[in-house]
Amino acid sequence: MTATLPSLDGRRFRMVSSTTSVVDPDAPSVFEYFERDGAIWGGYEGDTVTFGKFVGTRTADKIWVSFVHVLVADGTVVTGDGESDLELTEGGGIRLVEHYEMHGAPQLSVCEEITA
């Protein structure tokens, strides 16, 4: 199945909401994505995360990733996996609607492309 939205390669996103934690609007987690031949990978940092990495795949406008990150508060290492639906925003950027499980419960976060 062919993607309807453009490649994520080199795009940056900021977290705007999360059921896992309150997002700091002045210093949210920022994600950098790379994409090639159906593979997705990248890193993130900011807000409650010291640093994190992810790797996965893309099929059409859905991505699946495994992630690992270190929490700022206590250095705890968190691992998991999840799926994201890619959507087009009103401003023409890309929004990632992320579905994952953490602490034994389903979670949802939203990241939007940094376009400026």
PDB file of N, CA and C in Angstrom:
ATOM      1  N   MET A   1       0.845  -1.174   0.000  1.00  0.00           N
ATOM      2  CA  MET A   1       0.000   0.000   0.000  1.00  0.00           C
ATOM      3  C   MET A   1       0.896   1.245   0.000  1.00  0.00           C
ATOM      4  N   THR A   2       0.623   2.192  -0.825  1.00  0.00           N
ATOM      5  CA  THR A   2       1.427   3.395  -0.988  1.00  0.00           C
ATOM      6  C   THR A   2       1.004   4.460   0.008  1.00  0.00           C
ATOM      7  N   ALA A   3       1.977   5.178   0.545  1.00  0.00           N
ATOM      8  CA  ALA A   3       1.695   6.264   1.479  1.00  0.00           C
ATOM      9  C   ALA A   3       1.029   7.420   0.743  1.00  0.00           C
ATOM     10  N   THR A   4       0.082   8.049   1.397  1.00  0.00           N
ATOM     11  CA  THR A   4      -0.555   9.226   0.807  1.00  0.00           C
ATOM     12  C   THR A   4       0.096  10.511   1.297  1.00  0.00           C
ATOM     13  N   LEU A   5       0.798  10.432   2.417  1.00  0.00           N
ATOM     14  CA  LEU A   5       1.523  11.585   2.937  1.00  0.00           C
ATOM     15  C   LEU A   5       3.004  11.427   2.611  1.00  0.00           C
ATOM     16  N   PRO A   6       3.739  12.537   2.555  1.00  0.00           N
ATOM     17  CA  PRO A   6       5.150  12.460   2.172  1.00  0.00           C
ATOM     18  C   PRO A   6       6.014  11.726   3.199  1.00  0.00           C
ATOM     19  N   SER A   7       7.232  11.446   2.796  1.00  0.00           N
ATOM     20  CA  SER A   7       8.212  10.790   3.652  1.00  0.00           C
ATOM     21  C   SER A   7       8.405  11.573   4.951  1.00  0.00           C
ATOM     22  N   LEU A   8       8.710  10.854   6.011  1.00  0.00           N
ATOM     23  CA  LEU A   8       9.025  11.483   7.300  1.00  0.00           C
ATOM     24  C   LEU A   8      10.505  11.839   7.404  1.00  0.00           C
ATOM     25  N   ASP A   9      11.287  11.471   6.408  1.00  0.00           N
ATOM     26  CA  ASP A   9      12.740  11.638   6.462  1.00  0.00           C
ATOM     27  C   ASP A   9      13.134  13.093   6.718  1.00  0.00           C
ATOM     28  N   GLY A  10      13.870  13.310   7.819  1.00  0.00           N
ATOM     29  CA  GLY A  10      14.375  14.632   8.162  1.00  0.00           C
ATOM     30  C   GLY A  10      13.359  15.543   8.830  1.00  0.00           C
ATOM     31  N   ARG A  11      12.162  15.047   9.093  1.00  0.00           N
ATOM     32  CA  ARG A  11      11.125  15.890   9.715  1.00  0.00           C
ATOM     33  C   ARG A  11      11.241  15.841  11.237  1.00  0.00           C
ATOM     34  N   ARG A  12      10.881  16.964  11.860  1.00  0.00           N
ATOM     35  CA  ARG A  12      10.905  17.073  13.322  1.00  0.00           C
ATOM     36  C   ARG A  12       9.480  17.315  13.819  1.00  0.00           C
ATOM     37  N   PHE A  13       9.183  16.749  14.991  1.00  0.00           N
ATOM     38  CA  PHE A  13       7.857  16.834  15.585  1.00  0.00           C
ATOM     39  C   PHE A  13       7.971  17.215  17.055  1.00  0.00           C
ATOM     40  N   ARG A  14       6.951  17.900  17.580  1.00  0.00           N
ATOM     41  CA  ARG A  14       6.901  18.207  19.010  1.00  0.00           C
ATOM     42  C   ARG A  14       5.641  17.567  19.581  1.00  0.00           C
ATOM     43  N   MET A  15       5.765  17.066  20.802  1.00  0.00           N
ATOM     44  CA  MET A  15       4.615  16.465  21.460  1.00  0.00           C
ATOM     45  C   MET A  15       3.680  17.573  21.920  1.00  0.00           C
ATOM     46  N   VAL A  16       2.394  17.420  21.628  1.00  0.00           N
ATOM     47  CA  VAL A  16       1.410  18.423  22.048  1.00  0.00           C
ATOM     48  C   VAL A  16       0.451  17.886  23.102  1.00  0.00           C
ATOM     49  N   SER A  17       0.295  16.554  23.201  1.00  0.00           N
ATOM     50  CA  SER A  17      -0.531  15.990  24.262  1.00  0.00           C
ATOM     51  C   SER A  17      -0.133  14.539  24.507  1.00  0.00           C
ATOM     52  N   SER A  18      -0.398  14.080  25.741  1.00  0.00           N
ATOM     53  CA  SER A  18      -0.068  12.701  26.097  1.00  0.00           C
ATOM     54  C   SER A  18      -0.905  12.278  27.295  1.00  0.00           C
ATOM     55  N   THR A  19      -1.384  11.042  27.276  1.00  0.00           N
ATOM     56  CA  THR A  19      -2.085  10.510  28.438  1.00  0.00           C
ATOM     57  C   THR A  19      -1.108   9.998  29.487  1.00  0.00           C
ATOM     58  N   THR A  20       0.180   9.858  29.124  1.00  0.00           N
ATOM     59  CA  THR A  20       1.186   9.360  30.054  1.00  0.00           C
ATOM     60  C   THR A  20       1.659  10.439  31.019  1.00  0.00           C
ATOM     61  N   SER A  21       1.763  11.678  30.547  1.00  0.00           N
ATOM     62  CA  SER A  21       2.257  12.766  31.393  1.00  0.00           C
ATOM     63  C   SER A  21       1.732  14.098  30.865  1.00  0.00           C
ATOM     64  N   VAL A  22       1.851  15.129  31.703  1.00  0.00           N
ATOM     65  CA  VAL A  22       1.501  16.486  31.284  1.00  0.00           C
ATOM     66  C   VAL A  22       2.638  16.997  30.413  1.00  0.00           C
ATOM     67  N   VAL A  23       2.322  17.519  29.238  1.00  0.00           N
ATOM     68  CA  VAL A  23       3.336  18.014  28.306  1.00  0.00           C
ATOM     69  C   VAL A  23       3.652  19.468  28.645  1.00  0.00           C
ATOM     70  N   ASP A  24       4.940  19.772  28.800  1.00  0.00           N
ATOM     71  CA  ASP A  24       5.378  21.148  29.036  1.00  0.00           C
ATOM     72  C   ASP A  24       5.304  21.891  27.703  1.00  0.00           C
ATOM     73  N   PRO A  25       4.376  22.853  27.559  1.00  0.00           N
ATOM     74  CA  PRO A  25       4.231  23.537  26.261  1.00  0.00           C
ATOM     75  C   PRO A  25       5.451  24.379  25.879  1.00  0.00           C
ATOM     76  N   ASP A  26       6.266  24.760  26.865  1.00  0.00           N
ATOM     77  CA  ASP A  26       7.459  25.565  26.584  1.00  0.00           C
ATOM     78  C   ASP A  26       8.693  24.720  26.276  1.00  0.00           C
ATOM     79  N   ALA A  27       8.670  23.442  26.654  1.00  0.00           N
ATOM     80  CA  ALA A  27       9.819  22.557  26.416  1.00  0.00           C
ATOM     81  C   ALA A  27       9.334  21.123  26.205  1.00  0.00           C
ATOM     82  N   PRO A  28       8.519  20.897  25.164  1.00  0.00           N
ATOM     83  CA  PRO A  28       7.988  19.547  24.931  1.00  0.00           C
ATOM     84  C   PRO A  28       9.079  18.614  24.400  1.00  0.00           C
ATOM     85  N   SER A  29       8.791  17.321  24.444  1.00  0.00           N
ATOM     86  CA  SER A  29       9.689  16.369  23.786  1.00  0.00           C
ATOM     87  C   SER A  29       9.678  16.659  22.289  1.00  0.00           C
ATOM     88  N   VAL A  30      10.854  16.594  21.680  1.00  0.00           N
ATOM     89  CA  VAL A  30      11.004  16.825  20.246  1.00  0.00           C
ATOM     90  C   VAL A  30      11.581  15.557  19.630  1.00  0.00           C
ATOM     91  N   PHE A  31      10.970  15.127  18.521  1.00  0.00           N
ATOM     92  CA  PHE A  31      11.322  13.892  17.838  1.00  0.00           C
ATOM     93  C   PHE A  31      11.884  14.222  16.457  1.00  0.00           C
ATOM     94  N   GLU A  32      12.936  13.502  16.052  1.00  0.00           N
ATOM     95  CA  GLU A  32      13.469  13.636  14.699  1.00  0.00           C
ATOM     96  C   GLU A  32      13.352  12.280  14.019  1.00  0.00           C
ATOM     97  N   TYR A  33      12.726  12.268  12.839  1.00  0.00           N
ATOM     98  CA  TYR A  33      12.445  11.042  12.100  1.00  0.00           C
ATOM     99  C   TYR A  33      13.319  10.927  10.859  1.00  0.00           C
ATOM    100  N   PHE A  34      13.643   9.675  10.540  1.00  0.00           N
ATOM    101  CA  PHE A  34      14.312   9.336   9.293  1.00  0.00           C
ATOM    102  C   PHE A  34      13.550   8.167   8.678  1.00  0.00           C
ATOM    103  N   GLU A  35      13.523   8.126   7.368  1.00  0.00           N
ATOM    104  CA  GLU A  35      12.760   7.082   6.681  1.00  0.00           C
ATOM    105  C   GLU A  35      13.460   6.690   5.391  1.00  0.00           C
ATOM    106  N   ARG A  36      13.536   5.373   5.164  1.00  0.00           N
ATOM    107  CA  ARG A  36      14.085   4.877   3.900  1.00  0.00           C
ATOM    108  C   ARG A  36      13.585   3.454   3.667  1.00  0.00           C
ATOM    109  N   ASP A  37      13.067   3.210   2.477  1.00  0.00           N
ATOM    110  CA  ASP A  37      12.658   1.868   2.052  1.00  0.00           C
ATOM    111  C   ASP A  37      11.726   1.186   3.049  1.00  0.00           C
ATOM    112  N   GLY A  38      10.791   1.934   3.622  1.00  0.00           N
ATOM    113  CA  GLY A  38       9.825   1.367   4.553  1.00  0.00           C
ATOM    114  C   GLY A  38      10.287   1.293   5.992  1.00  0.00           C
ATOM    115  N   ALA A  39      11.556   1.658   6.245  1.00  0.00           N
ATOM    116  CA  ALA A  39      12.077   1.660   7.623  1.00  0.00           C
ATOM    117  C   ALA A  39      11.990   3.069   8.207  1.00  0.00           C
ATOM    118  N   ILE A  40      11.700   3.147   9.503  1.00  0.00           N
ATOM    119  CA  ILE A  40      11.608   4.406  10.251  1.00  0.00           C
ATOM    120  C   ILE A  40      12.578   4.310  11.420  1.00  0.00           C
ATOM    121  N   TRP A  41      13.290   5.400  11.734  1.00  0.00           N
ATOM    122  CA  TRP A  41      14.147   5.430  12.917  1.00  0.00           C
ATOM    123  C   TRP A  41      14.368   6.876  13.324  1.00  0.00           C
ATOM    124  N   GLY A  42      14.869   7.063  14.534  1.00  0.00           N
ATOM    125  CA  GLY A  42      15.156   8.419  14.972  1.00  0.00           C
ATOM    126  C   GLY A  42      15.377   8.496  16.464  1.00  0.00           C
ATOM    127  N   GLY A  43      15.300   9.732  16.952  1.00  0.00           N
ATOM    128  CA  GLY A  43      15.552   9.979  18.359  1.00  0.00           C
ATOM    129  C   GLY A  43      14.677  11.095  18.878  1.00  0.00           C
ATOM    130  N   TYR A  44      14.667  11.239  20.201  1.00  0.00           N
ATOM    131  CA  TYR A  44      13.873  12.284  20.827  1.00  0.00           C
ATOM    132  C   TYR A  44      14.450  12.637  22.191  1.00  0.00           C
ATOM    133  N   GLU A  45      14.097  13.844  22.643  1.00  0.00           N
ATOM    134  CA  GLU A  45      14.533  14.325  23.950  1.00  0.00           C
ATOM    135  C   GLU A  45      13.658  15.503  24.351  1.00  0.00           C
ATOM    136  N   GLY A  46      13.738  15.872  25.610  1.00  0.00           N
ATOM    137  CA  GLY A  46      12.995  17.022  26.104  1.00  0.00           C
ATOM    138  C   GLY A  46      11.874  16.636  27.038  1.00  0.00           C
ATOM    139  N   ASP A  47      11.398  17.610  27.792  1.00  0.00           N
ATOM    140  CA  ASP A  47      10.313  17.451  28.755  1.00  0.00           C
ATOM    141  C   ASP A  47      10.704  16.391  29.780  1.00  0.00           C
ATOM    142  N   THR A  48      10.013  15.275  29.853  1.00  0.00           N
ATOM    143  CA  THR A  48      10.290  14.251  30.864  1.00  0.00           C
ATOM    144  C   THR A  48      11.346  13.240  30.424  1.00  0.00           C
ATOM    145  N   VAL A  49      11.860  13.376  29.184  1.00  0.00           N
ATOM    146  CA  VAL A  49      12.785  12.398  28.603  1.00  0.00           C
ATOM    147  C   VAL A  49      14.183  13.002  28.451  1.00  0.00           C
ATOM    148  N   THR A  50      15.192  12.330  29.036  1.00  0.00           N
ATOM    149  CA  THR A  50      16.583  12.751  28.848  1.00  0.00           C
ATOM    150  C   THR A  50      16.988  12.520  27.398  1.00  0.00           C
ATOM    151  N   PHE A  51      16.782  11.287  26.908  1.00  0.00           N
ATOM    152  CA  PHE A  51      16.967  10.965  25.501  1.00  0.00           C
ATOM    153  C   PHE A  51      16.275   9.648  25.201  1.00  0.00           C
ATOM    154  N   GLY A  52      15.914   9.463  23.933  1.00  0.00           N
ATOM    155  CA  GLY A  52      15.264   8.230  23.523  1.00  0.00           C
ATOM    156  C   GLY A  52      15.574   7.915  22.074  1.00  0.00           C
ATOM    157  N   LYS A  53      15.376   6.656  21.707  1.00  0.00           N
ATOM    158  CA  LYS A  53      15.583   6.184  20.335  1.00  0.00           C
ATOM    159  C   LYS A  53      14.418   5.299  19.935  1.00  0.00           C
ATOM    160  N   PHE A  54      14.126   5.249  18.633  1.00  0.00           N
ATOM    161  CA  PHE A  54      13.081   4.371  18.131  1.00  0.00           C
ATOM    162  C   PHE A  54      13.464   3.836  16.763  1.00  0.00           C
ATOM    163  N   VAL A  55      12.879   2.703  16.411  1.00  0.00           N
ATOM    164  CA  VAL A  55      13.078   2.092  15.104  1.00  0.00           C
ATOM    165  C   VAL A  55      11.798   1.330  14.771  1.00  0.00           C
ATOM    166  N   GLY A  56      11.449   1.302  13.484  1.00  0.00           N
ATOM    167  CA  GLY A  56      10.230   0.605  13.096  1.00  0.00           C
ATOM    168  C   GLY A  56      10.022   0.592  11.602  1.00  0.00           C
ATOM    169  N   THR A  57       8.754   0.469  11.215  1.00  0.00           N
ATOM    170  CA  THR A  57       8.399   0.369   9.809  1.00  0.00           C
ATOM    171  C   THR A  57       7.206   1.268   9.503  1.00  0.00           C
ATOM    172  N   ARG A  58       7.063   1.573   8.214  1.00  0.00           N
ATOM    173  CA  ARG A  58       5.923   2.347   7.746  1.00  0.00           C
ATOM    174  C   ARG A  58       5.211   1.566   6.653  1.00  0.00           C
ATOM    175  N   THR A  59       3.887   1.504   6.775  1.00  0.00           N
ATOM    176  CA  THR A  59       3.030   0.949   5.743  1.00  0.00           C
ATOM    177  C   THR A  59       1.951   1.980   5.482  1.00  0.00           C
ATOM    178  N   ALA A  60       1.965   2.547   4.290  1.00  0.00           N
ATOM    179  CA  ALA A  60       1.025   3.620   3.918  1.00  0.00           C
ATOM    180  C   ALA A  60       1.164   4.753   4.939  1.00  0.00           C
ATOM    181  N   ASP A  61       0.076   5.138   5.569  1.00  0.00           N
ATOM    182  CA  ASP A  61       0.113   6.250   6.524  1.00  0.00           C
ATOM    183  C   ASP A  61      -0.014   5.767   7.958  1.00  0.00           C
ATOM    184  N   LYS A  62       0.624   4.638   8.231  1.00  0.00           N
ATOM    185  CA  LYS A  62       0.683   4.086   9.584  1.00  0.00           C
ATOM    186  C   LYS A  62       2.125   3.646   9.832  1.00  0.00           C
ATOM    187  N   ILE A  63       2.640   3.966  11.015  1.00  0.00           N
ATOM    188  CA  ILE A  63       3.974   3.500  11.376  1.00  0.00           C
ATOM    189  C   ILE A  63       3.888   2.652  12.645  1.00  0.00           C
ATOM    190  N   TRP A  64       4.811   1.729  12.773  1.00  0.00           N
ATOM    191  CA  TRP A  64       4.954   0.903  13.960  1.00  0.00           C
ATOM    192  C   TRP A  64       6.385   1.069  14.428  1.00  0.00           C
ATOM    193  N   VAL A  65       6.586   1.337  15.732  1.00  0.00           N
ATOM    194  CA  VAL A  65       7.933   1.512  16.256  1.00  0.00           C
ATOM    195  C   VAL A  65       8.095   0.793  17.592  1.00  0.00           C
ATOM    196  N   SER A  66       9.334   0.419  17.884  1.00  0.00           N
ATOM    197  CA  SER A  66       9.779   0.045  19.224  1.00  0.00           C
ATOM    198  C   SER A  66      10.614   1.210  19.720  1.00  0.00           C
ATOM    199  N   PHE A  67      10.482   1.521  21.014  1.00  0.00           N
ATOM    200  CA  PHE A  67      11.213   2.668  21.552  1.00  0.00           C
ATOM    201  C   PHE A  67      11.850   2.339  22.889  1.00  0.00           C
ATOM    202  N   VAL A  68      12.850   3.129  23.229  1.00  0.00           N
ATOM    203  CA  VAL A  68      13.484   3.073  24.543  1.00  0.00           C
ATOM    204  C   VAL A  68      13.892   4.497  24.892  1.00  0.00           C
ATOM    205  N   HIS A  69      13.623   4.898  26.142  1.00  0.00           N
ATOM    206  CA  HIS A  69      14.076   6.214  26.572  1.00  0.00           C
ATOM    207  C   HIS A  69      14.407   6.220  28.057  1.00  0.00           C
ATOM    208  N   VAL A  70      15.135   7.261  28.470  1.00  0.00           N
ATOM    209  CA  VAL A  70      15.557   7.446  29.852  1.00  0.00           C
ATOM    210  C   VAL A  70      14.805   8.642  30.419  1.00  0.00           C
ATOM    211  N   LEU A  71      14.171   8.453  31.570  1.00  0.00           N
ATOM    212  CA  LEU A  71      13.408   9.531  32.195  1.00  0.00           C
ATOM    213  C   LEU A  71      14.310  10.510  32.940  1.00  0.00           C
ATOM    214  N   VAL A  72      13.995  11.786  32.858  1.00  0.00           N
ATOM    215  CA  VAL A  72      14.735  12.837  33.537  1.00  0.00           C
ATOM    216  C   VAL A  72      14.630  12.661  35.052  1.00  0.00           C
ATOM    217  N   ALA A  73      13.444  12.377  35.558  1.00  0.00           N
ATOM    218  CA  ALA A  73      13.182  12.378  36.998  1.00  0.00           C
ATOM    219  C   ALA A  73      14.081  11.438  37.784  1.00  0.00           C
ATOM    220  N   ASP A  74      14.243  10.196  37.303  1.00  0.00           N
ATOM    221  CA  ASP A  74      14.979   9.227  38.119  1.00  0.00           C
ATOM    222  C   ASP A  74      15.895   8.304  37.324  1.00  0.00           C
ATOM    223  N   GLY A  75      16.062   8.560  36.027  1.00  0.00           N
ATOM    224  CA  GLY A  75      16.948   7.746  35.206  1.00  0.00           C
ATOM    225  C   GLY A  75      16.374   6.397  34.816  1.00  0.00           C
ATOM    226  N   THR A  76      15.104   6.172  35.100  1.00  0.00           N
ATOM    227  CA  THR A  76      14.460   4.921  34.724  1.00  0.00           C
ATOM    228  C   THR A  76      14.479   4.753  33.210  1.00  0.00           C
ATOM    229  N   VAL A  77      14.778   3.532  32.747  1.00  0.00           N
ATOM    230  CA  VAL A  77      14.734   3.211  31.324  1.00  0.00           C
ATOM    231  C   VAL A  77      13.350   2.633  31.025  1.00  0.00           C
ATOM    232  N   VAL A  78      12.684   3.210  30.030  1.00  0.00           N
ATOM    233  CA  VAL A  78      11.343   2.791  29.624  1.00  0.00           C
ATOM    234  C   VAL A  78      11.419   2.221  28.215  1.00  0.00           C
ATOM    235  N   THR A  79      10.806   1.066  27.990  1.00  0.00           N
ATOM    236  CA  THR A  79      10.761   0.467  26.657  1.00  0.00           C
ATOM    237  C   THR A  79       9.312   0.191  26.283  1.00  0.00           C
ATOM    238  N   GLY A  80       9.068   0.080  24.992  1.00  0.00           N
ATOM    239  CA  GLY A  80       7.724  -0.232  24.545  1.00  0.00           C
ATOM    240  C   GLY A  80       7.641  -0.234  23.045  1.00  0.00           C
ATOM    241  N   ASP A  81       6.436  -0.383  22.545  1.00  0.00           N
ATOM    242  CA  ASP A  81       6.199  -0.273  21.120  1.00  0.00           C
ATOM    243  C   ASP A  81       4.804   0.282  20.906  1.00  0.00           C
ATOM    244  N   GLY A  82       4.571   0.764  19.694  1.00  0.00           N
ATOM    245  CA  GLY A  82       3.276   1.343  19.406  1.00  0.00           C
ATOM    246  C   GLY A  82       3.092   1.626  17.933  1.00  0.00           C
ATOM    247  N   GLU A  83       1.877   2.025  17.611  1.00  0.00           N
ATOM    248  CA  GLU A  83       1.521   2.393  16.242  1.00  0.00           C
ATOM    249  C   GLU A  83       1.114   3.855  16.214  1.00  0.00           C
ATOM    250  N   SER A  84       1.385   4.497  15.105  1.00  0.00           N
ATOM    251  CA  SER A  84       0.957   5.874  14.908  1.00  0.00           C
ATOM    252  C   SER A  84       0.243   5.999  13.578  1.00  0.00           C
ATOM    253  N   ASP A  85      -0.839   6.754  13.596  1.00  0.00           N
ATOM    254  CA  ASP A  85      -1.529   7.126  12.368  1.00  0.00           C
ATOM    255  C   ASP A  85      -1.000   8.491  11.956  1.00  0.00           C
ATOM    256  N   LEU A  86      -0.672   8.641  10.678  1.00  0.00           N
ATOM    257  CA  LEU A  86      -0.204   9.919  10.167  1.00  0.00           C
ATOM    258  C   LEU A  86      -1.382  10.670   9.570  1.00  0.00           C
ATOM    259  N   GLU A  87      -1.516  11.927   9.951  1.00  0.00           N
ATOM    260  CA  GLU A  87      -2.604  12.763   9.457  1.00  0.00           C
ATOM    261  C   GLU A  87      -2.028  14.082   8.952  1.00  0.00           C
ATOM    262  N   LEU A  88      -2.731  14.711   8.064  1.00  0.00           N
ATOM    263  CA  LEU A  88      -2.355  16.029   7.562  1.00  0.00           C
ATOM    264  C   LEU A  88      -3.045  17.085   8.428  1.00  0.00           C
ATOM    265  N   THR A  89      -2.282  18.087   8.899  1.00  0.00           N
ATOM    266  CA  THR A  89      -2.870  19.158   9.697  1.00  0.00           C
ATOM    267  C   THR A  89      -3.455  20.223   8.777  1.00  0.00           C
ATOM    268  N   GLU A  90      -4.252  21.114   9.349  1.00  0.00           N
ATOM    269  CA  GLU A  90      -4.833  22.212   8.568  1.00  0.00           C
ATOM    270  C   GLU A  90      -3.759  23.088   7.944  1.00  0.00           C
ATOM    271  N   GLY A  91      -2.622  23.212   8.623  1.00  0.00           N
ATOM    272  CA  GLY A  91      -1.530  24.035   8.118  1.00  0.00           C
ATOM    273  C   GLY A  91      -0.641  23.339   7.107  1.00  0.00           C
ATOM    274  N   GLY A  92      -0.956  22.080   6.774  1.00  0.00           N
ATOM    275  CA  GLY A  92      -0.180  21.357   5.776  1.00  0.00           C
ATOM    276  C   GLY A  92       0.947  20.519   6.340  1.00  0.00           C
ATOM    277  N   GLY A  93       1.127  20.517   7.657  1.00  0.00           N
ATOM    278  CA  GLY A  93       2.136  19.672   8.280  1.00  0.00           C
ATOM    279  C   GLY A  93       1.578  18.282   8.540  1.00  0.00           C
ATOM    280  N   ILE A  94       2.368  17.463   9.219  1.00  0.00           N
ATOM    281  CA  ILE A  94       1.961  16.101   9.542  1.00  0.00           C
ATOM    282  C   ILE A  94       1.759  15.982  11.051  1.00  0.00           C
ATOM    283  N   ARG A  95       0.704  15.275  11.416  1.00  0.00           N
ATOM    284  CA  ARG A  95       0.410  14.974  12.822  1.00  0.00           C
ATOM    285  C   ARG A  95       0.563  13.467  13.007  1.00  0.00           C
ATOM    286  N   LEU A  96       1.191  13.066  14.117  1.00  0.00           N
ATOM    287  CA  LEU A  96       1.316  11.659  14.484  1.00  0.00           C
ATOM    288  C   LEU A  96       0.384  11.400  15.664  1.00  0.00           C
ATOM    289  N   VAL A  97      -0.571  10.512  15.494  1.00  0.00           N
ATOM    290  CA  VAL A  97      -1.463  10.108  16.582  1.00  0.00           C
ATOM    291  C   VAL A  97      -0.970   8.738  17.030  1.00  0.00           C
ATOM    292  N   GLU A  98      -0.319   8.709  18.204  1.00  0.00           N
ATOM    293  CA  GLU A  98       0.418   7.539  18.666  1.00  0.00           C
ATOM    294  C   GLU A  98      -0.393   6.721  19.662  1.00  0.00           C
ATOM    295  N   HIS A  99      -0.531   5.427  19.397  1.00  0.00           N
ATOM    296  CA  HIS A  99      -1.219   4.483  20.277  1.00  0.00           C
ATOM    297  C   HIS A  99      -0.171   3.499  20.794  1.00  0.00           C
ATOM    298  N   TYR A 100      -0.043   3.397  22.117  1.00  0.00           N
ATOM    299  CA  TYR A 100       0.953   2.506  22.699  1.00  0.00           C
ATOM    300  C   TYR A 100       0.479   2.065  24.079  1.00  0.00           C
ATOM    301  N   GLU A 101       1.203   1.151  24.681  1.00  0.00           N
ATOM    302  CA  GLU A 101       0.872   0.698  26.025  1.00  0.00           C
ATOM    303  C   GLU A 101       2.029   1.030  26.954  1.00  0.00           C
ATOM    304  N   MET A 102       1.701   1.564  28.120  1.00  0.00           N
ATOM    305  CA  MET A 102       2.713   1.862  29.134  1.00  0.00           C
ATOM    306  C   MET A 102       2.051   1.703  30.493  1.00  0.00           C
ATOM    307  N   HIS A 103       2.784   1.171  31.443  1.00  0.00           N
ATOM    308  CA  HIS A 103       2.264   0.940  32.789  1.00  0.00           C
ATOM    309  C   HIS A 103       1.043   0.030  32.753  1.00  0.00           C
ATOM    310  N   GLY A 104       0.996  -0.883  31.776  1.00  0.00           N
ATOM    311  CA  GLY A 104      -0.078  -1.850  31.667  1.00  0.00           C
ATOM    312  C   GLY A 104      -1.402  -1.308  31.156  1.00  0.00           C
ATOM    313  N   ALA A 105      -1.386  -0.083  30.620  1.00  0.00           N
ATOM    314  CA  ALA A 105      -2.630   0.509  30.147  1.00  0.00           C
ATOM    315  C   ALA A 105      -2.422   1.152  28.778  1.00  0.00           C
ATOM    316  N   PRO A 106      -3.471   1.182  27.949  1.00  0.00           N
ATOM    317  CA  PRO A 106      -3.348   1.852  26.647  1.00  0.00           C
ATOM    318  C   PRO A 106      -3.148   3.344  26.822  1.00  0.00           C
ATOM    319  N   GLN A 107      -2.310   3.917  25.974  1.00  0.00           N
ATOM    320  CA  GLN A 107      -1.977   5.341  26.043  1.00  0.00           C
ATOM    321  C   GLN A 107      -2.151   5.979  24.672  1.00  0.00           C
ATOM    322  N   LEU A 108      -2.237   7.290  24.664  1.00  0.00           N
ATOM    323  CA  LEU A 108      -2.383   8.054  23.429  1.00  0.00           C
ATOM    324  C   LEU A 108      -1.582   9.341  23.547  1.00  0.00           C
ATOM    325  N   SER A 109      -0.794   9.638  22.536  1.00  0.00           N
ATOM    326  CA  SER A 109      -0.113  10.939  22.477  1.00  0.00           C
ATOM    327  C   SER A 109      -0.217  11.479  21.060  1.00  0.00           C
ATOM    328  N   VAL A 110      -0.080  12.787  20.962  1.00  0.00           N
ATOM    329  CA  VAL A 110      -0.162  13.456  19.670  1.00  0.00           C
ATOM    330  C   VAL A 110       1.072  14.323  19.498  1.00  0.00           C
ATOM    331  N   CYS A 111       1.722  14.201  18.342  1.00  0.00           N
ATOM    332  CA  CYS A 111       2.876  15.021  17.991  1.00  0.00           C
ATOM    333  C   CYS A 111       2.565  15.729  16.679  1.00  0.00           C
ATOM    334  N   GLU A 112       2.998  16.981  16.576  1.00  0.00           N
ATOM    335  CA  GLU A 112       2.787  17.728  15.340  1.00  0.00           C
ATOM    336  C   GLU A 112       4.124  18.186  14.778  1.00  0.00           C
ATOM    337  N   GLU A 113       4.189  18.207  13.448  1.00  0.00           N
ATOM    338  CA  GLU A 113       5.402  18.600  12.759  1.00  0.00           C
ATOM    339  C   GLU A 113       5.784  20.033  13.088  1.00  0.00           C
ATOM    340  N   ILE A 114       7.070  20.240  13.299  1.00  0.00           N
ATOM    341  CA  ILE A 114       7.614  21.589  13.500  1.00  0.00           C
ATOM    342  C   ILE A 114       7.885  22.140  12.106  1.00  0.00           C
ATOM    343  N   THR A 115       7.107  23.125  11.700  1.00  0.00           N
ATOM    344  CA  THR A 115       7.214  23.619  10.323  1.00  0.00           C
ATOM    345  C   THR A 115       7.916  24.965  10.224  1.00  0.00           C
ATOM    346  N   ALA A 116       8.143  25.624  11.349  1.00  0.00           N
ATOM    347  CA  ALA A 116       8.796  26.948  11.298  1.00  0.00           C
ATOM    348  C   ALA A 116      10.165  26.892  11.913  1.00  0.00           C
TER     349      ALA A 116
END
